[in-house]
Protein backbone atom coordinates (compact mmCIF):
# COMPACT_ATOMS: atom_id res chain seq x y z
CA UNK A 1 87.42 87.93 87.00
CA UNK A 2 87.13 91.36 85.35
CA UNK A 3 90.27 93.33 84.64
CA UNK A 4 90.60 97.12 84.63
CA UNK A 5 93.56 99.19 83.50
CA UNK A 6 93.77 102.66 85.04
CA UNK A 7 96.07 105.11 83.24
CA UNK A 8 96.92 108.33 85.07
CA UNK A 9 98.46 111.49 83.68
CA UNK A 10 99.31 114.72 85.44
CA UNK A 11 99.18 115.92 89.00
CA UNK A 12 99.21 114.34 92.44
CA UNK A 13 95.46 114.96 92.75
CA UNK A 14 94.84 112.85 89.67
CA UNK A 15 97.05 110.13 91.12
CA UNK A 16 95.08 110.18 94.36
CA UNK A 17 91.78 109.97 92.49
CA UNK A 18 93.02 107.04 90.40
CA UNK A 19 94.05 105.27 93.60
CA UNK A 20 90.46 105.67 94.76
CA UNK A 21 89.19 104.16 91.51
CA UNK A 22 91.52 101.22 92.03
CA UNK A 23 90.26 100.74 95.59
CA UNK A 24 86.65 100.71 94.37
CA UNK A 25 87.26 98.19 91.60
CA UNK A 26 89.29 95.90 93.84
CA UNK A 27 86.60 95.97 96.52
CA UNK A 28 84.17 94.83 93.81
CA UNK A 29 86.41 91.87 93.00
CA UNK A 30 88.09 93.24 89.90
CA UNK A 31 91.80 93.03 89.14
CA UNK A 32 93.38 96.45 88.67
CA UNK A 33 96.78 96.72 87.02
CA UNK A 34 98.66 97.32 83.79
CA UNK A 35 98.07 93.86 82.33
CA UNK A 36 96.25 93.75 79.03
CA UNK A 37 93.98 93.05 77.32
CA UNK A 38 91.66 94.62 79.89
CA UNK A 39 87.89 94.52 80.06
CA UNK A 40 87.75 98.20 80.99
CA UNK A 41 90.23 101.04 80.47
CA UNK A 42 90.02 104.22 82.55
CA UNK A 43 92.17 107.13 81.38
CA UNK A 44 92.49 109.94 83.94
CA UNK A 45 93.71 112.78 81.73
CA UNK A 46 95.57 116.06 82.15
CA UNK A 47 95.25 119.36 80.26
CA UNK A 48 97.61 121.69 82.11
CA UNK A 49 99.76 122.14 78.98
CA UNK A 50 99.34 121.42 75.28
CA UNK A 51 101.84 118.59 75.71
CA UNK A 52 99.73 117.06 78.49
CA UNK A 53 96.69 117.09 76.23
CA UNK A 54 98.65 115.36 73.46
CA UNK A 55 99.92 112.78 75.97
CA UNK A 56 96.35 112.14 77.09
CA UNK A 57 95.25 111.40 73.51
CA UNK A 58 98.30 109.19 72.99
CA UNK A 59 97.51 107.23 76.17
CA UNK A 60 94.02 106.53 74.88
CA UNK A 61 95.36 105.31 71.52
CA UNK A 62 97.94 103.02 73.13
CA UNK A 63 95.41 101.56 75.56
CA UNK A 64 92.96 100.74 72.77
CA UNK A 65 95.69 99.07 70.71
CA UNK A 66 96.44 96.79 73.67
CA UNK A 67 92.78 96.26 74.62
CA UNK A 68 90.74 96.75 71.42
CA UNK A 69 87.57 95.27 72.88
CA UNK A 70 87.66 97.07 76.22
CA UNK A 71 85.03 99.49 77.38
CA UNK A 72 86.54 102.95 77.75
CA UNK A 73 86.06 105.70 80.33
CA UNK A 74 87.86 109.01 79.91
CA UNK A 75 87.93 111.40 82.83
CA UNK A 76 90.11 114.21 84.19
CA UNK A 77 90.93 117.70 82.98
CA UNK A 78 91.33 116.91 79.28
CA UNK A 79 87.85 115.36 79.28
CA UNK A 80 86.55 118.60 80.80
CA UNK A 81 88.46 120.91 78.45
CA UNK A 82 88.36 119.03 75.15
CA UNK A 83 85.31 116.80 74.91
CA UNK A 84 84.85 117.78 71.26
CA UNK A 85 88.47 116.96 70.42
CA UNK A 86 88.05 113.53 72.01
CA UNK A 87 84.93 112.89 69.95
CA UNK A 88 86.93 113.73 66.80
CA UNK A 89 89.69 111.19 67.51
CA UNK A 90 89.75 108.62 64.73
CA UNK A 91 90.25 105.79 67.21
CA UNK A 92 86.99 106.72 68.95
CA UNK A 93 84.91 107.43 65.85
CA UNK A 94 83.17 104.04 65.68
CA UNK A 95 83.09 103.04 69.32
CA UNK A 96 81.20 104.07 72.41
CA UNK A 97 83.03 105.59 75.33
CA UNK A 98 82.07 107.41 78.48
CA UNK A 99 83.24 110.86 79.58
CA UNK A 100 83.18 111.40 83.34
CA UNK A 101 83.61 114.98 84.52
CA UNK A 102 85.80 115.96 87.44
CA UNK A 103 82.73 116.80 89.55
CA UNK A 104 81.39 113.27 89.05
CA UNK A 105 84.49 111.19 89.65
CA UNK A 106 82.87 109.72 92.76
CA UNK A 107 80.36 108.05 90.40
CA UNK A 108 82.92 106.52 88.05
CA UNK A 109 83.35 103.11 89.65
CA UNK A 110 79.69 102.46 90.36
CA UNK A 111 78.85 103.50 86.79
CA UNK A 112 81.45 101.12 85.36
CA UNK A 113 80.15 98.24 87.48
CA UNK A 114 76.62 98.54 86.13
CA UNK A 115 75.40 95.90 83.70
CA UNK A 116 74.78 96.89 80.10
CA UNK A 117 76.12 99.78 78.08
CA UNK A 118 77.82 102.67 79.78
CA UNK A 119 76.24 106.12 79.45
CA UNK A 120 77.72 108.39 76.81
CA UNK A 121 78.73 110.97 79.37
CA UNK A 122 78.53 111.82 83.05
CA UNK A 123 80.00 115.28 82.92
CA UNK A 124 78.11 117.54 85.33
CA UNK A 125 78.74 121.29 85.63
CA UNK A 126 82.21 121.72 87.11
CA UNK A 127 81.79 125.48 87.53
CA UNK A 128 78.74 124.91 89.72
CA UNK A 129 80.42 122.33 91.97
CA UNK A 130 80.06 123.15 95.67
CA UNK A 131 81.43 120.00 97.34
CA UNK A 132 84.59 118.00 96.87
CA UNK A 133 84.12 114.47 95.55
CA UNK A 134 84.40 111.87 98.29
CA UNK A 135 87.01 109.42 96.99
CA UNK A 136 88.32 107.14 99.75
CA UNK A 137 91.49 105.14 99.18
CA UNK A 138 92.45 101.87 100.90
CA UNK A 139 96.14 101.85 100.05
CA UNK A 140 98.22 104.00 97.72
CA UNK A 141 99.61 101.09 95.74
CA UNK A 142 103.05 99.78 96.68
CA UNK A 143 104.51 103.25 97.25
CA UNK A 144 106.33 104.17 100.44
CA UNK A 145 104.53 107.54 100.42
CA UNK A 146 100.88 108.28 99.75
CA UNK A 147 99.25 111.36 98.28
CA UNK A 148 96.33 112.74 100.28
CA UNK A 149 94.03 115.09 98.37
CA UNK A 150 92.41 117.52 100.81
CA UNK A 151 91.29 120.24 98.37
CA UNK A 152 90.08 120.57 94.79
CA UNK A 153 89.49 123.51 92.44
CA UNK A 154 91.01 126.97 92.07
CA UNK A 155 89.69 130.52 92.26
CA UNK A 156 92.84 132.33 91.14
CA UNK A 157 92.40 132.48 87.36
CA UNK A 158 96.00 133.08 86.37
CA UNK A 159 95.82 134.27 82.78
CA UNK A 160 97.72 131.26 81.35
CA UNK A 161 95.99 128.50 83.32
CA UNK A 162 93.09 126.29 82.23
CA UNK A 163 92.80 124.54 85.60
CA UNK A 164 90.07 126.77 87.16
CA UNK A 165 87.87 125.89 84.18
CA UNK A 166 88.52 122.14 84.44
CA UNK A 167 88.51 121.81 88.23
CA UNK A 168 85.94 124.44 89.19
CA UNK A 169 85.83 126.50 92.39
CA UNK A 170 87.84 125.64 95.48
CA UNK A 171 86.31 122.90 97.66
CA UNK A 172 87.81 121.32 100.77
CA UNK A 173 87.50 117.99 102.55
CA UNK A 174 86.40 118.35 106.17
CA UNK A 175 89.25 117.97 108.66
CA UNK A 176 87.81 114.86 110.31
CA UNK A 177 87.60 113.15 106.91
CA UNK A 178 91.18 114.16 106.14
CA UNK A 179 92.40 112.68 109.42
CA UNK A 180 90.39 109.50 108.80
CA UNK A 181 91.99 109.01 105.37
CA UNK A 182 95.46 109.73 106.75
CA UNK A 183 94.90 107.13 109.47
CA UNK A 184 93.91 104.59 106.80
CA UNK A 185 97.16 105.27 104.96
CA UNK A 186 99.12 104.93 108.21
CA UNK A 187 97.42 101.62 109.02
CA UNK A 188 98.23 100.40 105.49
CA UNK A 189 101.92 100.99 106.21
CA UNK A 190 102.62 104.29 104.46
CA UNK A 191 105.39 106.10 106.35
CA UNK A 192 104.96 109.43 104.56
CA UNK A 193 101.91 111.32 103.32
CA UNK A 194 102.05 114.18 100.84
CA UNK A 195 99.23 116.62 101.55
CA UNK A 196 98.03 117.92 98.20
CA UNK A 197 95.34 119.83 96.36
CA UNK A 198 94.77 121.80 93.18
CA UNK A 199 95.25 125.03 95.14
CA UNK A 200 96.29 123.67 98.51
CA UNK A 201 96.63 127.03 100.23
CA UNK A 202 92.89 127.63 99.77
CA UNK A 203 92.15 124.67 102.03
CA UNK A 204 89.36 125.39 104.52
CA UNK A 205 88.21 128.73 103.14
CA UNK A 206 84.91 127.15 102.11
CA UNK A 207 84.41 125.23 105.39
CA UNK A 208 82.25 126.96 107.98
CA UNK A 209 84.26 126.99 111.20
CA UNK A 210 86.81 124.56 109.81
CA UNK A 211 90.58 125.02 110.07
CA UNK A 212 92.65 126.56 107.32
CA UNK A 213 95.75 124.72 106.11
CA UNK A 214 98.04 125.44 109.07
CA UNK A 215 95.34 124.24 111.47
CA UNK A 216 94.90 121.07 109.42
CA UNK A 217 98.66 120.39 109.46
CA UNK A 218 98.63 120.93 113.22
CA UNK A 219 95.88 118.33 113.67
CA UNK A 220 97.42 115.81 111.27
CA UNK A 221 100.93 115.97 112.70
CA UNK A 222 99.68 115.77 116.30
CA UNK A 223 97.22 112.94 115.64
CA UNK A 224 99.66 110.77 113.65
CA UNK A 225 103.12 111.57 115.04
CA UNK A 226 104.56 108.38 113.52
CA UNK A 227 103.82 109.59 109.98
CA UNK A 228 105.93 112.08 108.00
CA UNK A 229 103.82 114.78 106.33
CA UNK A 230 105.06 116.67 103.29
CA UNK A 231 103.32 119.70 101.72
CA UNK A 232 102.98 119.57 97.94
CA UNK A 233 102.84 123.19 96.70
CA UNK A 234 101.90 126.59 98.13
CA UNK A 235 101.54 130.04 96.60
CA UNK A 236 103.99 132.58 98.07
CA UNK A 237 101.34 134.66 99.85
CA UNK A 238 100.02 131.55 101.61
CA UNK A 239 103.19 130.95 103.62
CA UNK A 240 103.34 132.80 106.93
CA UNK A 241 105.21 132.72 110.22
CA UNK A 242 102.57 130.59 111.96
CA UNK A 243 102.92 127.86 109.36
CA UNK A 244 106.73 127.98 109.36
CA UNK A 245 106.87 127.93 113.16
CA UNK A 246 104.66 124.83 113.18
CA UNK A 247 106.89 123.05 110.65
CA UNK A 248 109.95 123.95 112.71
CA UNK A 249 108.34 122.64 115.89
CA UNK A 250 106.98 119.32 114.56
CA UNK A 251 109.60 116.77 113.53
CA UNK A 252 107.06 114.91 111.38
CA UNK A 253 106.33 117.98 109.22
CA UNK A 254 108.99 117.83 106.54
CA UNK A 255 111.15 120.94 105.93
CA UNK A 256 110.30 121.08 102.24
CA UNK A 257 108.31 123.79 100.45
CA UNK A 258 107.42 124.14 96.79
CA UNK A 259 106.59 127.75 95.86
CA UNK A 260 105.63 128.67 92.28
CA UNK A 261 107.27 131.89 91.07
CA UNK A 262 106.45 131.73 87.32
CA UNK A 263 108.40 134.90 86.48
CA UNK A 264 111.07 137.05 88.07
CA UNK A 265 109.74 140.21 86.40
CA UNK A 266 106.90 142.28 87.90
CA UNK A 267 105.44 143.28 84.54
CA UNK A 268 105.15 139.65 83.44
CA UNK A 269 103.68 138.70 86.84
CA UNK A 270 101.01 141.33 86.28
CA UNK A 271 100.15 139.96 82.85
CA UNK A 272 99.98 136.50 84.39
CA UNK A 273 97.53 137.77 87.06
CA UNK A 274 99.87 136.61 89.82
CA UNK A 275 99.14 138.52 93.01
CA UNK A 276 102.62 139.28 94.36
CA UNK A 277 105.75 141.12 93.34
CA UNK A 278 109.26 139.84 92.89
CA UNK A 279 110.27 141.66 96.08
CA UNK A 280 107.46 139.97 98.04
CA UNK A 281 108.52 136.56 96.74
CA UNK A 282 112.09 137.22 97.92
CA UNK A 283 110.76 138.18 101.36
CA UNK A 284 108.85 134.89 101.59
CA UNK A 285 111.95 132.86 100.70
CA UNK A 286 113.98 134.78 103.30
CA UNK A 287 111.26 134.11 105.89
CA UNK A 288 111.40 130.39 105.09
CA UNK A 289 115.18 130.42 105.54
CA UNK A 290 114.86 132.25 108.87
CA UNK A 291 112.58 129.60 110.36
CA UNK A 292 113.92 126.58 108.42
CA UNK A 293 117.54 127.24 107.39
CA UNK A 294 118.04 123.88 105.68
CA UNK A 295 114.61 123.48 104.14
CA UNK A 296 114.32 122.46 100.50
CA UNK A 297 112.63 125.17 98.45
CA UNK A 298 111.41 124.26 94.98
CA UNK A 299 110.33 126.87 92.46
CA UNK A 300 108.27 126.75 89.23
CA UNK A 301 109.02 129.11 86.35
CA UNK A 302 107.32 129.63 82.98
CA UNK A 303 109.61 130.58 80.11
CA UNK A 304 108.40 132.38 76.99
CA UNK A 305 105.17 133.92 78.27
CA UNK A 306 103.53 136.12 75.58
CA UNK A 307 105.29 139.48 75.52
CA UNK A 308 108.32 138.23 77.46
CA UNK A 309 111.24 140.11 75.94
CA UNK A 310 114.90 139.31 76.39
CA UNK A 311 115.00 142.03 79.05
CA UNK A 312 112.12 140.42 80.97
CA UNK A 313 113.86 137.06 80.78
CA UNK A 314 117.18 138.54 81.89
CA UNK A 315 115.49 140.01 84.98
CA UNK A 316 114.00 136.60 85.79
CA UNK A 317 117.39 134.91 85.46
CA UNK A 318 119.11 137.58 87.57
CA UNK A 319 116.45 137.34 90.25
CA UNK A 320 116.73 133.57 90.42
CA UNK A 321 120.52 133.78 90.69
CA UNK A 322 120.18 135.98 93.77
CA UNK A 323 117.59 133.98 95.72
CA UNK A 324 118.38 130.99 97.95
CA UNK A 325 116.30 128.10 96.60
CA UNK A 326 117.00 124.41 96.07
CA UNK A 327 115.59 123.14 92.77
CA UNK A 328 113.78 124.54 89.77
CA UNK A 329 110.96 123.23 87.58
CA UNK A 330 111.00 125.04 84.24
CA UNK A 331 108.13 124.90 81.77
CA UNK A 332 107.86 126.43 78.30
CA UNK A 333 104.68 128.48 78.00
CA UNK A 334 102.00 126.91 75.79
CA UNK A 335 98.65 128.41 74.76
CA UNK A 336 95.62 126.88 76.43
CA UNK A 337 92.43 127.68 74.50
CA UNK A 338 89.94 129.46 76.74
CA UNK A 339 92.54 131.32 78.81
CA UNK A 340 93.22 135.06 78.54
CA UNK A 341 96.88 134.59 77.70
CA UNK A 342 96.01 132.54 74.62
CA UNK A 343 94.85 135.80 73.01
CA UNK A 344 97.82 137.89 74.16
CA UNK A 345 100.13 139.32 71.47
CA UNK A 346 103.89 138.91 71.40
CA UNK A 347 104.14 135.14 71.21
CA UNK A 348 107.70 133.89 71.76
CA UNK A 349 109.05 131.52 69.13
CA UNK A 350 109.63 127.85 69.92
CA UNK A 351 113.40 128.02 69.42
CA UNK A 352 113.72 131.06 71.70
CA UNK A 353 111.56 129.40 74.36
CA UNK A 354 113.75 126.31 74.21
CA UNK A 355 116.88 128.43 74.72
CA UNK A 356 115.40 130.16 77.75
CA UNK A 357 114.24 126.87 79.23
CA UNK A 358 117.73 125.41 78.77
CA UNK A 359 119.39 128.40 80.45
CA UNK A 360 117.11 128.20 83.46
CA UNK A 361 117.48 124.43 83.74
CA UNK A 362 121.27 124.83 83.79
CA UNK A 363 120.93 127.41 86.56
CA UNK A 364 118.63 125.04 88.43
CA UNK A 365 121.17 122.24 88.25
CA UNK A 366 123.94 124.50 89.62
CA UNK A 367 121.77 125.69 92.51
CA UNK A 368 120.62 122.16 93.35
CA UNK A 369 124.15 120.79 93.50
CA UNK A 370 125.27 123.72 95.67
CA UNK A 371 122.44 122.89 98.07
CA UNK A 372 123.46 119.23 98.13
CA UNK A 373 127.05 120.23 98.97
CA UNK A 374 125.81 122.27 101.92
CA UNK A 375 124.08 119.17 103.31
CA UNK A 376 127.23 117.00 103.29
CA UNK A 377 128.33 116.01 106.79
CA UNK A 378 124.79 116.14 108.18
CA UNK A 379 122.97 113.06 109.49
CA UNK A 380 119.33 113.11 108.39
CA UNK A 381 116.31 110.77 108.45
CA UNK A 382 115.78 109.01 105.13
CA UNK A 383 112.65 107.13 104.06
CA UNK A 384 114.11 104.17 102.16
CA UNK A 385 112.37 103.24 98.90
CA UNK A 386 111.32 99.67 98.13
CA UNK A 387 113.36 99.45 94.91
CA UNK A 388 117.13 99.62 94.62
CA UNK A 389 119.09 101.67 92.10
CA UNK A 390 120.37 100.01 88.94
CA UNK A 391 123.70 99.32 90.66
CA UNK A 392 122.07 97.70 93.70
CA UNK A 393 122.14 100.56 96.21
CA UNK A 394 119.37 101.55 98.56
CA UNK A 395 117.87 104.96 97.92
CA UNK A 396 115.52 107.44 99.52
CA UNK A 397 114.85 111.06 100.37
CA UNK A 398 115.93 112.94 103.45
CA UNK A 399 113.36 114.98 105.34
CA UNK A 400 114.54 118.05 103.40
CA UNK A 401 114.22 116.27 100.06
CA UNK A 402 117.81 115.34 99.25
CA UNK A 403 117.95 112.09 97.27
CA UNK A 404 120.64 109.84 98.74
CA UNK A 405 121.98 106.37 97.92
CA UNK A 406 123.79 104.00 100.27
CA UNK A 407 124.56 100.33 100.91
CA UNK A 408 122.35 98.27 103.17
CA UNK A 409 120.20 95.19 103.63
CA UNK A 410 116.70 94.73 102.20
CA UNK A 411 115.34 94.93 105.74
CA UNK A 412 115.95 98.69 105.63
CA UNK A 413 113.46 99.14 102.77
CA UNK A 414 110.28 101.01 103.68
CA UNK A 415 111.78 102.18 106.98
CA UNK A 416 113.16 105.51 108.15
CA UNK A 417 116.92 105.35 108.68
CA UNK A 418 119.37 107.96 109.91
CA UNK A 419 121.95 108.47 107.14
CA UNK A 420 125.12 110.55 107.15
CA UNK A 421 125.48 112.42 103.84
CA UNK A 422 129.14 111.94 102.98
CA UNK A 423 129.92 112.62 99.34
CA UNK A 424 128.58 114.28 96.19
CA UNK A 425 129.60 111.99 93.34
CA UNK A 426 128.89 113.94 90.17
CA UNK A 427 125.18 114.61 90.81
CA UNK A 428 124.55 111.76 93.29
CA UNK A 429 124.66 112.14 97.08
CA UNK A 430 126.17 109.08 98.72
CA UNK A 431 125.70 108.33 102.40
CA UNK A 432 126.30 105.87 105.19
CA UNK A 433 123.45 104.55 107.40
CA UNK A 434 123.88 105.02 111.13
CA UNK A 435 122.61 101.73 112.53
CA UNK A 436 124.35 101.64 115.87
């Protein structure tokens, strides 16, 4: 029996695509897992930051140390962005490997299953892609929740971002295909589905007569009322009253929104080519709170963008202090070759970037714990994970994305349980299941 190891870095879309690879190999009779040595190694790479690119190279090196005789396929955004850098890796200098471009991921499994040598590359022209790759998945591993990729590509071209060049233009999966895949996940036992894409809010814009994202969420939540649906990430201008009213009305649409901000200063937002102002972002957050008072709101911020002075950073910090959000993802800016920002003057030093990141992370922790305290005393539905904590407690997330731990039997795993949130113990929310 042939053995394949699939290594995945980066975003939820990559994780979905790797799950499709696994489905294809297993249907062909292969064993897919992390055991080694493997006969074939597939590395699904990421290039969103310089660190992600370095991690992608490191994953290739580690895999080849464990499986020195394996055939190798490298795919994903780092393969798109840095084919020459991959060719220059010492570990790949005297061996053949295959590069599969993001627009040809649907061909990866069938190519690997062919007899004989693999082709040197199967890249395609990502910028000319007009259709999303069809990548069906049987089951999303052993996870309680599955990721469902409904959209690929991005047309925004933020000045710091390489993703439009590695993922190509926005392409959407037809609504009937989305529903079909969601039904497969439901039949496989997944209680929650995270609807995701590279630029999810663009869903449907390329489909003649097809629904946009709110219409898709309407269809999904009505067709599969037993499944919880969570939205991965939306740009601020893509959230409107119609969407929020639908989430408020449907109990299986989770009150959880992730909204990238990137900077709390209008001048920096302009340099980033973000298409909103700080004031507009604040209005969107207030609108979310009006329709969904207890919703979790996550925010992304970049620290140390070229030209970001201490005054710019102070305005970002002050803005974040005054807005009602739940948790914060903070990233230090890193140059991505091929983007406009890579050529911008005024680079911020590494030590200064680290200080700014640390300040914002500390603010994020304070805000998150304040949100958790506001949830104490509420009884909320929790999807219980299939693994216990290190001290033997059950754990899971509420509908509004509060992680909670509690005592209970194994029979509660992979079920949705009503849990009263009772205590914040340091940074951990402890609860009591309501089983009566």
